[in-house]
């Protein structure tokens, strides 16, 4: 059989492209009819004129009508409503499960389902990138994506897969406790980057996961802007920890007492530190931390809080620590010798050019810098 002529082949390609374009337009028209014209254009591709003014006007119209999601092709644009919306329940999950991207109005679940189906069909890794400025809703979006994946997988409810899904979902509150903080723009701002892998078997059931974090804002541990807070975990421990636990850590249940949490002590936030502490403790247990490991984590937090209250004074020749009781508590919590703790706070090790190692005393300012660096 002779190969088709170049013109015939080109004509076939054109027909395929036109067919795909017709299907795209039909699906877009169906979706527009499903939502109604009063909600604006559900896909920015359908704008008559692509300008910033038209873009923002359409986005504003949809937001005012309660539509916080809008497509740009296969990309979904989200506007944070800063309030709870009843669009993430079981009925919504069922409506988007197994459907094509344009069969329903724009939603995060549609993108989640498309990514999941693409992974199963092609047997290749699929990635969802969540990008935006502080307060845009990236952290919440990642939670809803995980919630959707957990809901549509494993119809047989096998115990081992359910356990994996539970761990993946519970990991969120732990990451937030130790990596999120209140800022002037967002009560639950992620102060770190996160890359999360969810691993699936050939049936499409989750079997495990990896979470990598990077660029944690460690400077927040020792200093915050006015109106902002330290990481949630410090306030959760101080306000949610039992009296017995706090007493064993030599702590009081008042963040205003400690230098590192004093700035955010009076700051109002939508987060409930007491209930969040209980949730984190439960999540750590579900994830697989032993009680001894959980205790050691909070011992480190307590040691950091006490470290911030260590003060220094100078008599002109040498620097001393004001009151050694705090140092003794830090030594107990870190299982170290009190003299070694004092020495590490008051001296630094310097290597000379000849290979000799000497210990040089800090000035009062250097001791404060060293203390904060140790805390970070």
Protein backbone atom coordinates (compact mmCIF):
# COMPACT_ATOMS: atom_id res chain seq x y z
CA UNK A 1 0.00 0.00 0.00
CA UNK A 2 1.36 3.41 -0.96
CA UNK A 3 1.74 5.95 1.85
CA UNK A 4 -0.77 8.80 1.78
CA UNK A 5 0.23 11.93 -0.03
CA UNK A 6 1.56 14.83 2.01
CA UNK A 7 -1.58 16.83 1.31
CA UNK A 8 -3.82 13.95 2.45
CA UNK A 9 -1.81 13.50 5.65
CA UNK A 10 -1.97 17.19 6.35
CA UNK A 11 -5.69 17.16 5.75
CA UNK A 12 -6.12 14.30 8.26
CA UNK A 13 -4.15 16.21 10.91
CA UNK A 14 -6.33 19.27 10.32
CA UNK A 15 -9.50 17.19 10.68
CA UNK A 16 -8.26 15.72 13.99
CA UNK A 17 -7.40 19.19 15.30
CA UNK A 18 -10.80 20.53 14.23
CA UNK A 19 -12.57 17.57 15.85
CA UNK A 20 -10.68 18.12 19.12
CA UNK A 21 -11.44 21.84 18.99
CA UNK A 22 -15.15 21.15 18.35
CA UNK A 23 -15.25 18.77 21.34
CA UNK A 24 -13.49 21.36 23.52
CA UNK A 25 -15.97 24.08 22.50
CA UNK A 26 -18.95 21.76 23.04
CA UNK A 27 -17.73 20.79 26.51
CA UNK A 28 -17.08 24.43 27.38
CA UNK A 29 -20.58 25.37 26.13
CA UNK A 30 -22.15 22.57 28.21
CA UNK A 31 -20.27 23.76 31.29
CA UNK A 32 -21.32 27.38 30.66
CA UNK A 33 -24.96 26.30 30.39
CA UNK A 34 -24.59 24.23 33.57
CA UNK A 35 -23.49 27.28 35.57
CA UNK A 36 -25.48 29.95 33.77
CA UNK A 37 -24.31 33.15 32.09
CA UNK A 38 -24.91 35.20 35.23
CA UNK A 39 -21.80 33.60 36.72
CA UNK A 40 -19.51 34.97 34.00
CA UNK A 41 -17.14 32.87 31.92
CA UNK A 42 -16.17 29.66 33.73
CA UNK A 43 -13.00 29.44 31.60
CA UNK A 44 -10.88 32.46 30.81
CA UNK A 45 -10.20 30.91 27.40
CA UNK A 46 -13.76 31.90 26.46
CA UNK A 47 -13.23 35.61 27.09
CA UNK A 48 -14.08 37.75 24.05
CA UNK A 49 -10.99 39.84 24.65
CA UNK A 50 -8.05 38.67 26.76
CA UNK A 51 -7.01 41.75 28.73
CA UNK A 52 -6.18 42.29 32.39
CA UNK A 53 -9.35 44.36 32.80
CA UNK A 54 -11.58 41.60 31.34
CA UNK A 55 -9.74 38.97 33.36
CA UNK A 56 -10.20 40.78 36.68
CA UNK A 57 -13.81 41.74 35.89
CA UNK A 58 -14.72 38.11 35.19
CA UNK A 59 -12.89 36.93 38.31
CA UNK A 60 -14.67 39.57 40.44
CA UNK A 61 -18.09 38.67 39.01
CA UNK A 62 -17.63 34.95 39.70
CA UNK A 63 -16.33 35.62 43.21
CA UNK A 64 -19.32 37.84 44.04
CA UNK A 65 -21.62 35.03 42.83
CA UNK A 66 -19.92 32.53 45.14
CA UNK A 67 -17.78 30.88 42.42
CA UNK A 68 -14.23 30.85 43.78
CA UNK A 69 -12.82 28.58 41.03
CA UNK A 70 -12.30 29.46 37.36
CA UNK A 71 -10.41 27.56 34.67
CA UNK A 72 -7.68 28.65 32.31
CA UNK A 73 -7.77 25.53 30.18
CA UNK A 74 -6.61 22.76 32.52
CA UNK A 75 -5.40 25.23 35.16
CA UNK A 76 -7.75 26.27 37.95
CA UNK A 77 -7.58 29.79 39.40
CA UNK A 78 -8.70 29.99 43.02
CA UNK A 79 -9.70 33.04 45.06
CA UNK A 80 -9.60 32.60 48.84
CA UNK A 81 -13.07 33.44 50.27
CA UNK A 82 -11.73 33.57 53.87
CA UNK A 83 -14.82 31.72 55.06
CA UNK A 84 -16.10 28.16 55.14
CA UNK A 85 -17.97 27.10 51.99
CA UNK A 86 -20.23 24.08 51.59
CA UNK A 87 -18.58 22.84 48.39
CA UNK A 88 -16.33 20.07 49.70
CA UNK A 89 -18.78 17.51 51.09
CA UNK A 90 -19.42 13.92 50.07
CA UNK A 91 -22.04 14.92 47.48
CA UNK A 92 -19.56 17.19 45.74
CA UNK A 93 -16.90 14.47 45.76
CA UNK A 94 -19.34 12.03 44.17
CA UNK A 95 -20.31 14.60 41.52
CA UNK A 96 -16.69 14.99 40.35
CA UNK A 97 -15.55 11.41 40.76
CA UNK A 98 -14.67 9.86 37.40
CA UNK A 99 -15.96 12.84 35.41
CA UNK A 100 -14.07 14.71 32.71
CA UNK A 101 -12.66 18.13 33.50
CA UNK A 102 -15.42 20.16 31.77
CA UNK A 103 -18.45 18.07 32.76
CA UNK A 104 -18.92 20.05 35.97
CA UNK A 105 -18.30 23.65 37.04
CA UNK A 106 -14.65 24.51 37.85
CA UNK A 107 -13.44 22.95 41.08
CA UNK A 108 -10.27 21.78 42.75
CA UNK A 109 -11.75 18.28 42.78
CA UNK A 110 -11.92 18.26 38.97
CA UNK A 111 -8.18 18.89 38.73
CA UNK A 112 -7.52 16.29 41.42
CA UNK A 113 -9.59 13.71 39.58
CA UNK A 114 -7.94 14.53 36.24
CA UNK A 115 -4.48 14.07 37.76
CA UNK A 116 -5.48 10.78 39.40
CA UNK A 117 -7.03 9.40 36.20
CA UNK A 118 -4.00 10.47 34.15
CA UNK A 119 -1.73 8.60 36.54
CA UNK A 120 -3.82 5.41 36.29
CA UNK A 121 -4.27 5.56 32.52
CA UNK A 122 -0.66 6.29 31.64
CA UNK A 123 0.95 4.48 34.58
CA UNK A 124 3.23 7.49 35.00
CA UNK A 125 3.87 10.00 37.75
CA UNK A 126 1.52 12.98 37.82
CA UNK A 127 2.16 16.28 39.57
CA UNK A 128 -0.16 19.03 40.82
CA UNK A 129 1.60 22.37 41.34
CA UNK A 130 -0.03 24.74 43.86
CA UNK A 131 1.28 28.29 43.57
CA UNK A 132 0.24 31.67 44.98
CA UNK A 133 1.10 34.45 47.40
CA UNK A 134 0.77 34.28 51.17
CA UNK A 135 -2.88 33.82 52.17
CA UNK A 136 -3.97 32.64 48.73
CA UNK A 137 -5.09 29.29 50.13
CA UNK A 138 -2.27 26.94 49.06
CA UNK A 139 -2.22 25.01 52.34
CA UNK A 140 -6.02 24.54 52.33
CA UNK A 141 -5.91 23.48 48.66
CA UNK A 142 -3.38 20.73 49.44
CA UNK A 143 -5.67 19.46 52.23
CA UNK A 144 -8.69 19.27 49.91
CA UNK A 145 -6.67 17.47 47.24
CA UNK A 146 -5.55 14.86 49.78
CA UNK A 147 -9.11 14.62 51.12
CA UNK A 148 -10.44 13.96 47.61
CA UNK A 149 -7.79 11.33 46.77
CA UNK A 150 -8.48 9.61 50.08
CA UNK A 151 -12.24 9.61 49.41
CA UNK A 152 -12.17 8.15 45.88
CA UNK A 153 -9.61 5.40 46.46
CA UNK A 154 -9.97 2.01 48.08
CA UNK A 155 -13.68 1.21 47.69
CA UNK A 156 -13.12 -2.13 49.44
CA UNK A 157 -11.95 -0.30 52.59
CA UNK A 158 -8.92 -2.52 53.17
CA UNK A 159 -7.44 -1.82 56.57
CA UNK A 160 -3.82 -1.39 55.47
CA UNK A 161 -4.70 1.16 52.76
CA UNK A 162 -7.02 3.01 55.13
CA UNK A 163 -4.13 3.25 57.58
CA UNK A 164 -1.89 4.82 54.92
CA UNK A 165 -4.56 7.36 53.97
CA UNK A 166 -5.11 8.22 57.63
CA UNK A 167 -1.40 8.86 58.13
CA UNK A 168 -1.21 11.08 55.03
CA UNK A 169 -4.20 13.15 56.13
CA UNK A 170 -3.03 13.41 59.75
CA UNK A 171 0.43 14.57 58.68
CA UNK A 172 -1.00 17.97 57.70
CA UNK A 173 -1.71 19.21 61.22
CA UNK A 174 1.75 18.10 62.40
CA UNK A 175 3.46 19.97 59.56
CA UNK A 176 1.35 23.03 60.29
CA UNK A 177 2.11 22.98 64.02
CA UNK A 178 5.86 23.07 63.52
CA UNK A 179 6.01 24.99 60.23
CA UNK A 180 3.06 27.42 60.16
CA UNK A 181 2.56 30.70 61.97
CA UNK A 182 0.25 33.70 62.12
CA UNK A 183 1.43 36.58 59.95
CA UNK A 184 -0.16 39.95 59.30
CA UNK A 185 -1.70 38.52 56.13
CA UNK A 186 -2.66 35.00 57.15
CA UNK A 187 -3.51 33.25 60.43
CA UNK A 188 -2.09 29.95 59.19
CA UNK A 189 0.78 30.86 56.89
CA UNK A 190 3.16 28.10 55.84
CA UNK A 191 6.66 29.34 56.61
CA UNK A 192 8.33 26.59 54.58
CA UNK A 193 8.12 24.91 51.18
CA UNK A 194 6.61 21.46 50.85
CA UNK A 195 6.94 18.71 48.25
CA UNK A 196 4.69 15.74 48.87
CA UNK A 197 4.72 12.37 47.10
CA UNK A 198 1.79 9.97 47.43
CA UNK A 199 2.68 6.50 46.21
CA UNK A 200 0.02 4.26 44.64
CA UNK A 201 -0.05 0.58 43.72
CA UNK A 202 -1.23 -0.84 40.37
CA UNK A 203 -4.86 -0.70 41.60
CA UNK A 204 -4.56 3.03 42.25
CA UNK A 205 -4.68 2.66 46.03
CA UNK A 206 -2.29 4.77 48.14
CA UNK A 207 0.47 2.68 49.72
CA UNK A 208 2.70 5.34 51.26
CA UNK A 209 4.16 8.79 50.85
CA UNK A 210 7.16 11.07 51.25
CA UNK A 211 7.09 14.67 52.45
CA UNK A 212 10.09 16.92 51.90
CA UNK A 213 10.22 20.38 53.47
CA UNK A 214 12.68 23.12 52.67
CA UNK A 215 13.54 26.75 53.48
CA UNK A 216 11.95 26.76 56.94
CA UNK A 217 11.87 30.32 58.29
CA UNK A 218 14.02 29.65 61.37
CA UNK A 219 14.49 33.36 62.13
CA UNK A 220 10.84 33.40 63.30
CA UNK A 221 11.81 31.29 66.32
CA UNK A 222 13.63 34.23 67.93
CA UNK A 223 11.92 37.26 66.38
CA UNK A 224 8.54 38.15 64.90
CA UNK A 225 7.10 41.30 63.34
CA UNK A 226 4.56 43.29 65.33
CA UNK A 227 1.18 41.53 65.25
CA UNK A 228 2.67 38.18 64.21
CA UNK A 229 3.33 34.98 66.15
CA UNK A 230 5.99 32.34 66.50
CA UNK A 231 5.26 28.85 65.15
CA UNK A 232 1.96 27.37 66.33
CA UNK A 233 3.62 24.54 68.26
CA UNK A 234 4.95 26.85 71.00
CA UNK A 235 1.51 28.31 71.78
CA UNK A 236 -0.14 24.89 71.47
CA UNK A 237 2.23 23.49 74.11
CA UNK A 238 1.82 26.42 76.51
CA UNK A 239 -1.96 26.72 76.19
CA UNK A 240 -2.91 23.12 75.47
CA UNK A 241 -0.42 21.16 77.56
CA UNK A 242 -1.62 19.67 80.84
CA UNK A 243 -0.50 21.18 84.15
CA UNK A 244 1.54 18.06 84.87
CA UNK A 245 3.27 18.22 81.48
CA UNK A 246 4.12 21.91 81.79
CA UNK A 247 5.37 21.43 85.33
CA UNK A 248 7.68 18.61 84.22
CA UNK A 249 9.08 20.96 81.55
CA UNK A 250 9.41 23.87 84.03
CA UNK A 251 6.97 25.97 81.98
CA UNK A 252 4.01 28.24 82.73
CA UNK A 253 0.85 28.28 80.62
CA UNK A 254 1.34 31.90 79.59
CA UNK A 255 3.17 32.71 76.32
CA UNK A 256 3.74 36.30 77.53
CA UNK A 257 6.29 34.98 80.07
CA UNK A 258 8.73 33.87 77.35
CA UNK A 259 10.80 36.18 75.15
CA UNK A 260 10.28 34.12 72.00
CA UNK A 261 6.46 34.03 72.28
CA UNK A 262 5.84 37.35 74.05
CA UNK A 263 5.20 39.30 70.82
CA UNK A 264 2.40 36.97 69.73
CA UNK A 265 0.91 36.26 73.17
CA UNK A 266 -1.83 38.89 72.93
CA UNK A 267 -2.35 38.53 69.18
CA UNK A 268 -5.79 37.22 68.27
CA UNK A 269 -5.99 34.34 65.82
CA UNK A 270 -8.67 32.09 64.39
CA UNK A 271 -6.68 29.01 65.50
CA UNK A 272 -7.62 27.33 68.78
CA UNK A 273 -4.30 26.37 70.36
CA UNK A 274 -5.81 23.99 72.92
CA UNK A 275 -7.80 21.87 70.47
CA UNK A 276 -4.95 22.02 67.94
CA UNK A 277 -2.56 20.61 70.56
CA UNK A 278 -4.85 17.63 71.13
CA UNK A 279 -5.10 17.08 67.37
CA UNK A 280 -1.32 17.18 66.93
CA UNK A 281 -0.74 14.76 69.82
CA UNK A 282 -3.28 12.36 68.31
CA UNK A 283 -1.75 12.74 64.83
CA UNK A 284 1.77 12.03 66.11
CA UNK A 285 0.46 8.82 67.63
CA UNK A 286 -1.33 7.81 64.40
CA UNK A 287 1.75 8.56 62.30
CA UNK A 288 3.79 6.19 64.45
CA UNK A 289 5.75 8.26 66.96
CA UNK A 290 6.28 6.53 70.31
CA UNK A 291 5.29 8.30 73.52
CA UNK A 292 8.98 8.72 74.35
CA UNK A 293 9.63 10.37 70.99
CA UNK A 294 6.64 12.69 71.39
CA UNK A 295 7.87 13.69 74.83
CA UNK A 296 11.37 14.40 73.50
CA UNK A 297 9.93 16.66 70.77
CA UNK A 298 8.16 18.81 73.34
CA UNK A 299 11.19 18.76 75.61
CA UNK A 300 13.11 20.43 72.78
CA UNK A 301 10.34 23.05 72.41
CA UNK A 302 10.45 23.71 76.15
CA UNK A 303 14.24 24.05 76.09
CA UNK A 304 13.99 26.60 73.25
CA UNK A 305 11.42 28.66 75.19
CA UNK A 306 13.60 28.65 78.31
CA UNK A 307 16.68 29.46 76.26
CA UNK A 308 15.07 32.69 75.09
CA UNK A 309 14.79 33.83 78.71
CA UNK A 310 18.51 33.36 79.45
CA UNK A 311 20.03 36.78 80.15
CA UNK A 312 23.65 37.88 80.35
CA UNK A 313 25.50 40.59 82.30
CA UNK A 314 29.01 41.96 82.00
CA UNK A 315 31.28 43.18 84.78
CA UNK A 316 33.65 44.83 82.31
CA UNK A 317 36.01 41.89 81.97
CA UNK A 318 33.83 38.83 81.61
CA UNK A 319 30.24 37.90 80.85
CA UNK A 320 28.08 35.89 83.22
CA UNK A 321 24.64 34.31 83.01
CA UNK A 322 21.99 36.01 85.15
CA UNK A 323 20.54 33.28 87.37
CA UNK A 324 21.53 29.67 86.75
CA UNK A 325 18.16 28.06 87.50
CA UNK A 326 17.04 28.40 83.87
CA UNK A 327 20.33 26.89 82.69
CA UNK A 328 19.78 23.92 85.01
CA UNK A 329 16.29 23.39 83.53
CA UNK A 330 17.67 23.56 79.97
CA UNK A 331 20.38 21.04 80.89
CA UNK A 332 17.76 18.69 82.32
CA UNK A 333 15.53 18.94 79.24
CA UNK A 334 18.42 18.39 76.82
CA UNK A 335 20.09 15.68 78.97
CA UNK A 336 23.35 17.61 79.17
CA UNK A 337 25.62 18.85 81.94
CA UNK A 338 24.73 22.35 83.29
CA UNK A 339 28.38 23.44 83.16
CA UNK A 340 28.59 22.47 79.50
CA UNK A 341 25.42 24.44 78.74
CA UNK A 342 26.84 27.52 80.46
CA UNK A 343 30.17 27.13 78.70
CA UNK A 344 28.56 26.81 75.28
CA UNK A 345 26.60 30.01 75.90
CA UNK A 346 29.56 32.04 77.19
CA UNK A 347 32.45 30.84 75.00
CA UNK A 348 33.21 30.03 71.41
CA UNK A 349 35.90 27.78 70.00
CA UNK A 350 38.42 29.42 67.68
CA UNK A 351 41.01 27.61 65.54
CA UNK A 352 44.29 29.54 65.18
CA UNK A 353 46.48 29.57 62.09
CA UNK A 354 48.92 27.16 63.70
CA UNK A 355 46.24 24.53 64.19
CA UNK A 356 45.76 25.30 67.88
CA UNK A 357 42.20 25.42 69.23
CA UNK A 358 41.41 27.99 71.88
CA UNK A 359 38.28 29.09 73.74
CA UNK A 360 37.38 32.76 73.59
CA UNK A 361 34.81 34.41 75.82
CA UNK A 362 31.79 36.17 74.30
CA UNK A 363 30.89 39.78 74.79
CA UNK A 364 27.36 40.35 76.13
CA UNK A 365 26.06 41.03 72.62
CA UNK A 366 27.84 38.01 71.15
CA UNK A 367 26.37 35.81 73.88
CA UNK A 368 22.85 36.97 72.93
CA UNK A 369 23.56 36.28 69.27
CA UNK A 370 24.93 32.83 70.14
CA UNK A 371 21.90 32.03 72.29
CA UNK A 372 19.50 32.94 69.47
CA UNK A 373 21.54 31.04 66.89
CA UNK A 374 21.41 27.95 69.12
CA UNK A 375 17.63 28.31 69.48
CA UNK A 376 17.17 28.55 65.70
